[in-house]
Amino acid sequence: MSKFKVGQVVSFPSAYTIGNKARKGGTITAVEKMYELKEENKTYYSNGICRGDLTTQQNLSNGEFKGYSYKCKTIQPKGYEAEIVMVEEFKLKVSTEEKVINSYKIYA
């Protein structure tokens, strides 16, 4: 059973992006199961590190369930467009819209 629910506001790491382009939280719009990718569907950086080994598309996976992924509509400061992002469950924390907006102020 998933830990978070559709409609809940969550915060998540900004994925190494600093400043106005950072995505720090959002509202969950969907919950999807994650699976481990088949080896032939994995891609690698030039240094040999795997770019990711999880997918929500079961047909690309080896069928091994690995947890939940959450589709979130980002909460952005005024003047910035919201985006849709997918975030793994272990990266999420329960939050509020106000806390997410205030988290951008340290870069202003």
Protein backbone atom coordinates (compact mmCIF):
# COMPACT_ATOMS: atom_id res chain seq x y z
CA MET A 1 0.00 0.00 0.00
CA SER A 2 1.34 3.45 -0.90
CA LYS A 3 2.42 5.81 1.86
CA PHE A 4 0.99 9.01 0.31
CA LYS A 5 -2.36 9.79 -1.30
CA VAL A 6 -3.57 11.75 -4.33
CA GLY A 7 -4.18 15.38 -3.36
CA GLN A 8 -1.54 15.43 -0.63
CA VAL A 9 1.13 18.18 -0.65
CA VAL A 10 4.69 16.86 -0.37
CA SER A 11 8.22 18.22 -0.49
CA PHE A 12 11.14 16.53 -2.23
CA PRO A 13 14.82 17.19 -2.97
CA SER A 14 15.39 19.71 -5.75
CA ALA A 15 17.59 17.30 -7.77
CA TYR A 16 20.76 19.40 -7.68
CA THR A 17 19.02 22.40 -9.25
CA ILE A 18 19.57 25.68 -7.43
CA GLY A 19 17.66 28.92 -7.84
CA ASN A 20 14.43 29.68 -9.64
CA LYS A 21 14.54 26.44 -11.66
CA ALA A 22 14.42 24.25 -8.55
CA ARG A 23 11.41 21.99 -8.00
CA LYS A 24 10.94 21.51 -4.27
CA GLY A 25 7.45 20.20 -3.77
CA GLY A 26 4.05 19.65 -5.23
CA THR A 27 0.63 18.10 -5.05
CA ILE A 28 0.32 14.39 -5.79
CA THR A 29 -1.86 13.77 -8.83
CA ALA A 30 -1.29 10.01 -9.30
CA VAL A 31 0.35 7.00 -7.66
CA GLU A 32 2.04 4.36 -9.83
CA LYS A 33 3.89 1.13 -9.10
CA MET A 34 7.62 1.04 -9.90
CA TYR A 35 9.41 -1.99 -11.31
CA GLU A 36 13.05 -2.89 -11.94
CA LEU A 37 14.07 -2.37 -15.57
CA LYS A 38 15.21 -5.30 -17.67
CA GLU A 39 18.96 -5.08 -18.27
CA GLU A 40 18.48 -4.45 -22.01
CA ASN A 41 16.33 -1.38 -21.24
CA LYS A 42 18.83 0.30 -18.89
CA THR A 43 20.93 3.20 -20.15
CA TYR A 44 24.30 4.30 -18.85
CA TYR A 45 26.34 7.51 -18.60
CA SER A 46 29.70 7.53 -20.40
CA ASN A 47 31.42 6.76 -17.07
CA GLY A 48 29.47 3.48 -16.81
CA ILE A 49 27.02 4.54 -14.09
CA CYS A 50 23.41 3.49 -14.68
CA ARG A 51 21.04 6.41 -15.34
CA GLY A 52 18.26 4.64 -13.47
CA ASP A 53 17.01 1.14 -12.96
CA LEU A 54 13.34 1.77 -12.19
CA THR A 55 10.30 2.23 -14.42
CA THR A 56 6.54 2.56 -14.10
CA GLN A 57 6.08 0.70 -17.40
CA GLN A 58 5.71 -2.96 -16.52
CA ASN A 59 6.39 -4.12 -20.11
CA LEU A 60 9.96 -2.67 -19.87
CA SER A 61 10.61 -4.33 -16.53
CA ASN A 62 11.57 -7.75 -15.27
CA GLY A 63 8.31 -7.66 -13.25
CA GLU A 64 9.96 -7.14 -9.87
CA PHE A 65 7.91 -4.62 -7.82
CA LYS A 66 10.20 -2.03 -6.14
CA GLY A 67 7.78 0.47 -4.56
CA TYR A 68 5.69 3.44 -5.57
CA SER A 69 6.31 6.49 -7.70
CA TYR A 70 4.24 9.65 -7.38
CA LYS A 71 3.26 12.02 -10.16
CA CYS A 72 3.29 15.54 -8.72
CA LYS A 73 2.25 18.91 -10.08
CA THR A 74 4.95 21.21 -8.72
CA ILE A 75 4.21 24.20 -6.53
CA GLN A 76 6.19 27.15 -7.85
CA PRO A 77 6.68 30.77 -6.72
CA LYS A 78 4.48 33.38 -8.38
CA GLY A 79 5.52 33.95 -11.99
CA TYR A 80 6.83 30.41 -12.59
CA GLU A 81 5.03 27.57 -14.39
CA ALA A 82 4.12 24.36 -12.59
CA GLU A 83 5.50 21.14 -14.07
CA ILE A 84 4.64 17.48 -13.75
CA VAL A 85 7.41 15.37 -12.18
CA MET A 86 7.71 11.76 -11.04
CA VAL A 87 9.30 11.19 -7.61
CA GLU A 88 10.09 7.96 -5.76
CA GLU A 89 8.35 7.43 -2.44
CA PHE A 90 11.52 7.46 -0.31
CA LYS A 91 12.29 11.04 -1.45
CA LEU A 92 8.95 12.51 -0.28
CA LYS A 93 7.97 14.23 2.96
CA VAL A 94 4.53 15.48 3.97
CA SER A 95 4.43 19.28 3.65
CA THR A 96 2.16 22.26 3.04
CA GLU A 97 1.93 24.63 0.09
CA GLU A 98 3.19 27.46 2.31
CA LYS A 99 6.29 25.49 3.37
CA VAL A 100 7.13 24.62 -0.24
CA ILE A 101 6.79 28.27 -1.37
CA ASN A 102 8.87 29.47 1.59
CA SER A 103 11.64 26.99 0.74
CA TYR A 104 12.36 29.00 -2.45
CA LYS A 105 13.03 32.21 -0.51
CA ILE A 106 16.51 31.17 0.60
CA TYR A 107 17.67 31.54 -3.04
CA ALA A 108 15.97 34.89 -3.68
